[in-house]
């Protein structure tokens, strides 16, 4: 009887079947984390690029006098950045005049949508006058694809898990 157990134990100890399970179990989470971070980084890059491009196109239209009110500017940005899900609800704009003679730097922190409220009021949106320097800043809030991913865990988030993409553009109003 002991010989039987000894033979089985020796065969088990010298067998190499299943020897890759342990390295796979150790390395699989690392590679899955890399894959998820790559997907998240690609998504953030595409969204940021689309928002910047839409902002540039919209600012050109504003400078030429084709767009002037908040709703039209917001719609133009959202139309130009079709890859932003829920753009109308999660995009917040602020337009501020900048005085070149008595310089006061605008606030560093962008005015973003508060997703916990139904409506976020426009606190800083004022169309400028002819030859006035203006700052247009857009803040788009979104939820990361992988909340537990390595890249998205390092992004700044609000209490509801949203993170922000901020795009800024400055221009001078053309004289009429």
C-alpha atoms as a PDB file:
ATOM      1  CA  UNK A   1       0.000   0.000   0.000  1.00  0.00           C
ATOM      2  CA  UNK A   2       2.787   2.471   0.834  1.00  0.00           C
ATOM      3  CA  UNK A   3       4.540   1.508  -2.388  1.00  0.00           C
ATOM      4  CA  UNK A   4       1.413   2.515  -4.340  1.00  0.00           C
ATOM      5  CA  UNK A   5       1.299   5.944  -2.671  1.00  0.00           C
ATOM      6  CA  UNK A   6       5.037   6.402  -3.084  1.00  0.00           C
ATOM      7  CA  UNK A   7       4.810   5.650  -6.821  1.00  0.00           C
ATOM      8  CA  UNK A   8       1.914   8.077  -7.250  1.00  0.00           C
ATOM      9  CA  UNK A   9       3.674  10.809  -5.281  1.00  0.00           C
ATOM     10  CA  UNK A  10       6.900  10.352  -7.283  1.00  0.00           C
ATOM     11  CA  UNK A  11       5.002  10.462 -10.593  1.00  0.00           C
ATOM     12  CA  UNK A  12       3.173  13.616  -9.474  1.00  0.00           C
ATOM     13  CA  UNK A  13       6.404  15.329  -8.401  1.00  0.00           C
ATOM     14  CA  UNK A  14       8.254  14.558 -11.661  1.00  0.00           C
ATOM     15  CA  UNK A  15       5.333  15.276 -14.022  1.00  0.00           C
ATOM     16  CA  UNK A  16       5.612  18.452 -16.100  1.00  0.00           C
ATOM     17  CA  UNK A  17       2.015  18.627 -17.328  1.00  0.00           C
ATOM     18  CA  UNK A  18       0.378  21.908 -16.380  1.00  0.00           C
ATOM     19  CA  UNK A  19       3.701  23.612 -15.722  1.00  0.00           C
ATOM     20  CA  UNK A  20       2.624  26.753 -17.644  1.00  0.00           C
ATOM     21  CA  UNK A  21      -0.417  27.466 -15.480  1.00  0.00           C
ATOM     22  CA  UNK A  22       1.545  29.296 -12.784  1.00  0.00           C
ATOM     23  CA  UNK A  23       3.441  31.699 -15.127  1.00  0.00           C
ATOM     24  CA  UNK A  24       0.225  32.329 -17.049  1.00  0.00           C
ATOM     25  CA  UNK A  25      -1.641  33.136 -13.832  1.00  0.00           C
ATOM     26  CA  UNK A  26       1.129  35.541 -12.822  1.00  0.00           C
ATOM     27  CA  UNK A  27       1.567  37.323 -16.184  1.00  0.00           C
ATOM     28  CA  UNK A  28      -2.018  37.405 -17.527  1.00  0.00           C
ATOM     29  CA  UNK A  29      -3.174  40.313 -15.291  1.00  0.00           C
ATOM     30  CA  UNK A  30      -0.164  42.386 -16.365  1.00  0.00           C
ATOM     31  CA  UNK A  31      -0.919  41.913 -20.071  1.00  0.00           C
ATOM     32  CA  UNK A  32      -4.646  42.490 -19.595  1.00  0.00           C
ATOM     33  CA  UNK A  33      -3.837  45.736 -17.758  1.00  0.00           C
ATOM     34  CA  UNK A  34      -1.579  46.814 -20.636  1.00  0.00           C
ATOM     35  CA  UNK A  35      -4.291  46.060 -23.187  1.00  0.00           C
ATOM     36  CA  UNK A  36      -6.957  47.967 -21.234  1.00  0.00           C
ATOM     37  CA  UNK A  37      -4.618  50.935 -20.724  1.00  0.00           C
ATOM     38  CA  UNK A  38      -3.852  51.014 -24.463  1.00  0.00           C
ATOM     39  CA  UNK A  39      -7.545  51.045 -25.313  1.00  0.00           C
ATOM     40  CA  UNK A  40      -8.199  53.804 -22.760  1.00  0.00           C
ATOM     41  CA  UNK A  41      -5.258  55.900 -23.963  1.00  0.00           C
ATOM     42  CA  UNK A  42      -6.378  55.535 -27.589  1.00  0.00           C
ATOM     43  CA  UNK A  43      -9.913  56.579 -26.706  1.00  0.00           C
ATOM     44  CA  UNK A  44      -8.746  59.610 -24.723  1.00  0.00           C
ATOM     45  CA  UNK A  45      -6.428  60.645 -27.563  1.00  0.00           C
ATOM     46  CA  UNK A  46      -9.170  60.366 -30.187  1.00  0.00           C
ATOM     47  CA  UNK A  47     -11.617  62.351 -28.037  1.00  0.00           C
ATOM     48  CA  UNK A  48      -9.081  65.074 -27.235  1.00  0.00           C
ATOM     49  CA  UNK A  49      -8.039  65.410 -30.881  1.00  0.00           C
ATOM     50  CA  UNK A  50     -11.644  65.570 -32.087  1.00  0.00           C
ATOM     51  CA  UNK A  51     -12.514  68.190 -29.463  1.00  0.00           C
ATOM     52  CA  UNK A  52      -9.493  70.336 -30.377  1.00  0.00           C
ATOM     53  CA  UNK A  53     -10.280  70.130 -34.094  1.00  0.00           C
ATOM     54  CA  UNK A  54     -13.954  70.992 -33.549  1.00  0.00           C
ATOM     55  CA  UNK A  55     -12.946  73.897 -31.317  1.00  0.00           C
ATOM     56  CA  UNK A  56     -10.548  75.268 -33.971  1.00  0.00           C
ATOM     57  CA  UNK A  57     -13.214  75.079 -36.666  1.00  0.00           C
ATOM     58  CA  UNK A  58     -15.809  76.704 -34.421  1.00  0.00           C
ATOM     59  CA  UNK A  59     -13.503  79.533 -33.333  1.00  0.00           C
ATOM     60  CA  UNK A  60     -12.845  80.275 -36.998  1.00  0.00           C
ATOM     61  CA  UNK A  61     -16.606  80.598 -37.555  1.00  0.00           C
ATOM     62  CA  UNK A  62     -16.941  82.821 -34.466  1.00  0.00           C
ATOM     63  CA  UNK A  63     -14.105  85.085 -35.630  1.00  0.00           C
ATOM     64  CA  UNK A  64     -15.758  85.486 -39.006  1.00  0.00           C
ATOM     65  CA  UNK A  65     -19.035  86.456 -37.307  1.00  0.00           C
ATOM     66  CA  UNK A  66     -21.023  83.431 -38.477  1.00  0.00           C
ATOM     67  CA  UNK A  67     -21.663  82.178 -34.925  1.00  0.00           C
ATOM     68  CA  UNK A  68     -22.432  84.371 -31.940  1.00  0.00           C
ATOM     69  CA  UNK A  69     -24.726  82.743 -29.394  1.00  0.00           C
ATOM     70  CA  UNK A  70     -23.940  80.016 -26.893  1.00  0.00           C
ATOM     71  CA  UNK A  71     -26.280  77.367 -28.311  1.00  0.00           C
ATOM     72  CA  UNK A  72     -24.927  77.730 -31.862  1.00  0.00           C
ATOM     73  CA  UNK A  73     -21.296  77.546 -30.694  1.00  0.00           C
ATOM     74  CA  UNK A  74     -21.989  74.484 -28.582  1.00  0.00           C
ATOM     75  CA  UNK A  75     -23.873  72.807 -31.438  1.00  0.00           C
ATOM     76  CA  UNK A  76     -21.015  73.558 -33.845  1.00  0.00           C
ATOM     77  CA  UNK A  77     -18.453  71.973 -31.516  1.00  0.00           C
ATOM     78  CA  UNK A  78     -20.629  68.906 -30.960  1.00  0.00           C
ATOM     79  CA  UNK A  79     -21.251  68.530 -34.701  1.00  0.00           C
ATOM     80  CA  UNK A  80     -17.530  68.731 -35.385  1.00  0.00           C
ATOM     81  CA  UNK A  81     -16.654  66.195 -32.699  1.00  0.00           C
ATOM     82  CA  UNK A  82     -19.006  63.349 -33.486  1.00  0.00           C
ATOM     83  CA  UNK A  83     -16.937  60.848 -31.457  1.00  0.00           C
ATOM     84  CA  UNK A  84     -17.945  62.486 -28.162  1.00  0.00           C
ATOM     85  CA  UNK A  85     -20.901  60.574 -26.711  1.00  0.00           C
ATOM     86  CA  UNK A  86     -23.511  62.799 -25.060  1.00  0.00           C
ATOM     87  CA  UNK A  87     -21.726  65.937 -26.217  1.00  0.00           C
ATOM     88  CA  UNK A  88     -24.712  68.273 -25.790  1.00  0.00           C
ATOM     89  CA  UNK A  89     -25.232  67.256 -22.161  1.00  0.00           C
ATOM     90  CA  UNK A  90     -21.575  66.954 -21.098  1.00  0.00           C
ATOM     91  CA  UNK A  91     -19.961  69.917 -22.860  1.00  0.00           C
ATOM     92  CA  UNK A  92     -19.678  73.230 -21.040  1.00  0.00           C
ATOM     93  CA  UNK A  93     -18.392  76.436 -22.609  1.00  0.00           C
ATOM     94  CA  UNK A  94     -17.024  79.589 -21.092  1.00  0.00           C
ATOM     95  CA  UNK A  95     -16.140  82.735 -23.029  1.00  0.00           C
ATOM     96  CA  UNK A  96     -14.201  85.459 -21.282  1.00  0.00           C
ATOM     97  CA  UNK A  97     -12.833  88.801 -22.477  1.00  0.00           C
ATOM     98  CA  UNK A  98      -9.103  89.282 -21.902  1.00  0.00           C
ATOM     99  CA  UNK A  99      -7.749  92.771 -21.336  1.00  0.00           C
ATOM    100  CA  UNK A 100      -4.311  93.208 -22.877  1.00  0.00           C
ATOM    101  CA  UNK A 101      -3.639  96.466 -21.026  1.00  0.00           C
ATOM    102  CA  UNK A 102      -4.728  95.488 -17.514  1.00  0.00           C
ATOM    103  CA  UNK A 103      -3.891  91.797 -17.623  1.00  0.00           C
ATOM    104  CA  UNK A 104      -5.798  89.533 -15.296  1.00  0.00           C
ATOM    105  CA  UNK A 105      -5.117  85.881 -15.941  1.00  0.00           C
ATOM    106  CA  UNK A 106      -8.238  83.739 -16.326  1.00  0.00           C
ATOM    107  CA  UNK A 107      -8.924  81.063 -13.742  1.00  0.00           C
ATOM    108  CA  UNK A 108      -6.706  78.007 -14.145  1.00  0.00           C
ATOM    109  CA  UNK A 109      -9.535  75.580 -13.451  1.00  0.00           C
ATOM    110  CA  UNK A 110     -12.075  75.220 -16.243  1.00  0.00           C
ATOM    111  CA  UNK A 111     -15.774  75.669 -15.559  1.00  0.00           C
ATOM    112  CA  UNK A 112     -17.137  72.162 -16.224  1.00  0.00           C
ATOM    113  CA  UNK A 113     -20.544  70.506 -16.201  1.00  0.00           C
ATOM    114  CA  UNK A 114     -21.722  69.318 -12.803  1.00  0.00           C
ATOM    115  CA  UNK A 115     -23.222  65.910 -13.639  1.00  0.00           C
ATOM    116  CA  UNK A 116     -24.949  65.674 -10.260  1.00  0.00           C
ATOM    117  CA  UNK A 117     -27.204  68.626 -11.180  1.00  0.00           C
ATOM    118  CA  UNK A 118     -29.865  68.559 -13.883  1.00  0.00           C
ATOM    119  CA  UNK A 119     -28.768  71.868 -15.413  1.00  0.00           C
ATOM    120  CA  UNK A 120     -25.438  73.631 -15.051  1.00  0.00           C
ATOM    121  CA  UNK A 121     -25.835  77.397 -15.557  1.00  0.00           C
ATOM    122  CA  UNK A 122     -23.503  79.349 -17.816  1.00  0.00           C
ATOM    123  CA  UNK A 123     -21.588  81.521 -15.403  1.00  0.00           C
ATOM    124  CA  UNK A 124     -18.932  82.903 -17.741  1.00  0.00           C
ATOM    125  CA  UNK A 125     -20.150  83.427 -21.294  1.00  0.00           C
ATOM    126  CA  UNK A 126     -20.056  86.890 -22.798  1.00  0.00           C
ATOM    127  CA  UNK A 127     -19.615  87.769 -26.457  1.00  0.00           C
ATOM    128  CA  UNK A 128     -16.921  90.363 -26.917  1.00  0.00           C
ATOM    129  CA  UNK A 129     -16.869  93.573 -28.881  1.00  0.00           C
ATOM    130  CA  UNK A 130     -14.855  94.473 -31.971  1.00  0.00           C
ATOM    131  CA  UNK A 131     -11.066  94.131 -31.573  1.00  0.00           C
ATOM    132  CA  UNK A 132     -11.451  92.548 -28.138  1.00  0.00           C
ATOM    133  CA  UNK A 133      -9.326  89.541 -27.187  1.00  0.00           C
ATOM    134  CA  UNK A 134     -11.500  86.596 -26.136  1.00  0.00           C
ATOM    135  CA  UNK A 135     -10.817  83.265 -24.470  1.00  0.00           C
ATOM    136  CA  UNK A 136     -13.097  80.352 -25.333  1.00  0.00           C
ATOM    137  CA  UNK A 137     -12.718  77.254 -23.184  1.00  0.00           C
ATOM    138  CA  UNK A 138     -14.616  73.997 -23.611  1.00  0.00           C
ATOM    139  CA  UNK A 139     -14.792  71.308 -20.956  1.00  0.00           C
ATOM    140  CA  UNK A 140     -16.143  67.870 -21.890  1.00  0.00           C
ATOM    141  CA  UNK A 141     -16.846  65.382 -19.117  1.00  0.00           C
ATOM    142  CA  UNK A 142     -16.872  61.626 -19.786  1.00  0.00           C
ATOM    143  CA  UNK A 143     -16.635  58.370 -17.888  1.00  0.00           C
ATOM    144  CA  UNK A 144     -13.519  56.276 -18.581  1.00  0.00           C
ATOM    145  CA  UNK A 145     -14.061  52.955 -20.340  1.00  0.00           C
ATOM    146  CA  UNK A 146     -12.270  50.935 -17.672  1.00  0.00           C
ATOM    147  CA  UNK A 147     -12.734  52.471 -14.227  1.00  0.00           C
ATOM    148  CA  UNK A 148     -10.289  50.004 -12.677  1.00  0.00           C
ATOM    149  CA  UNK A 149      -7.724  50.265 -15.499  1.00  0.00           C
ATOM    150  CA  UNK A 150      -4.232  51.469 -14.800  1.00  0.00           C
ATOM    151  CA  UNK A 151      -4.447  54.607 -16.958  1.00  0.00           C
ATOM    152  CA  UNK A 152      -7.931  55.674 -15.914  1.00  0.00           C
ATOM    153  CA  UNK A 153      -7.118  55.196 -12.248  1.00  0.00           C
ATOM    154  CA  UNK A 154      -4.499  57.955 -12.539  1.00  0.00           C
ATOM    155  CA  UNK A 155      -6.854  60.468 -14.232  1.00  0.00           C
ATOM    156  CA  UNK A 156      -8.480  63.115 -12.042  1.00  0.00           C
ATOM    157  CA  UNK A 157     -12.158  62.274 -11.497  1.00  0.00           C
ATOM    158  CA  UNK A 158     -15.074  63.969  -9.788  1.00  0.00           C
ATOM    159  CA  UNK A 159     -17.361  62.324  -7.215  1.00  0.00           C
ATOM    160  CA  UNK A 160     -19.447  60.622  -9.944  1.00  0.00           C
ATOM    161  CA  UNK A 161     -16.421  59.080 -11.696  1.00  0.00           C
ATOM    162  CA  UNK A 162     -16.281  61.537 -14.611  1.00  0.00           C
ATOM    163  CA  UNK A 163     -13.020  62.969 -15.907  1.00  0.00           C
ATOM    164  CA  UNK A 164     -12.647  66.105 -18.032  1.00  0.00           C
ATOM    165  CA  UNK A 165     -11.047  67.050 -21.324  1.00  0.00           C
ATOM    166  CA  UNK A 166     -10.372  70.786 -21.533  1.00  0.00           C
ATOM    167  CA  UNK A 167      -9.622  72.711 -24.728  1.00  0.00           C
ATOM    168  CA  UNK A 168      -8.801  76.423 -24.804  1.00  0.00           C
ATOM    169  CA  UNK A 169      -8.619  78.873 -27.681  1.00  0.00           C
ATOM    170  CA  UNK A 170      -8.014  82.611 -27.798  1.00  0.00           C
ATOM    171  CA  UNK A 171      -8.969  84.941 -30.632  1.00  0.00           C
ATOM    172  CA  UNK A 172      -9.592  88.587 -31.436  1.00  0.00           C
ATOM    173  CA  UNK A 173     -13.050  89.671 -32.586  1.00  0.00           C
ATOM    174  CA  UNK A 174     -12.957  91.089 -36.082  1.00  0.00           C
ATOM    175  CA  UNK A 175     -14.227  94.649 -36.483  1.00  0.00           C
ATOM    176  CA  UNK A 176     -17.613  94.955 -38.146  1.00  0.00           C
END
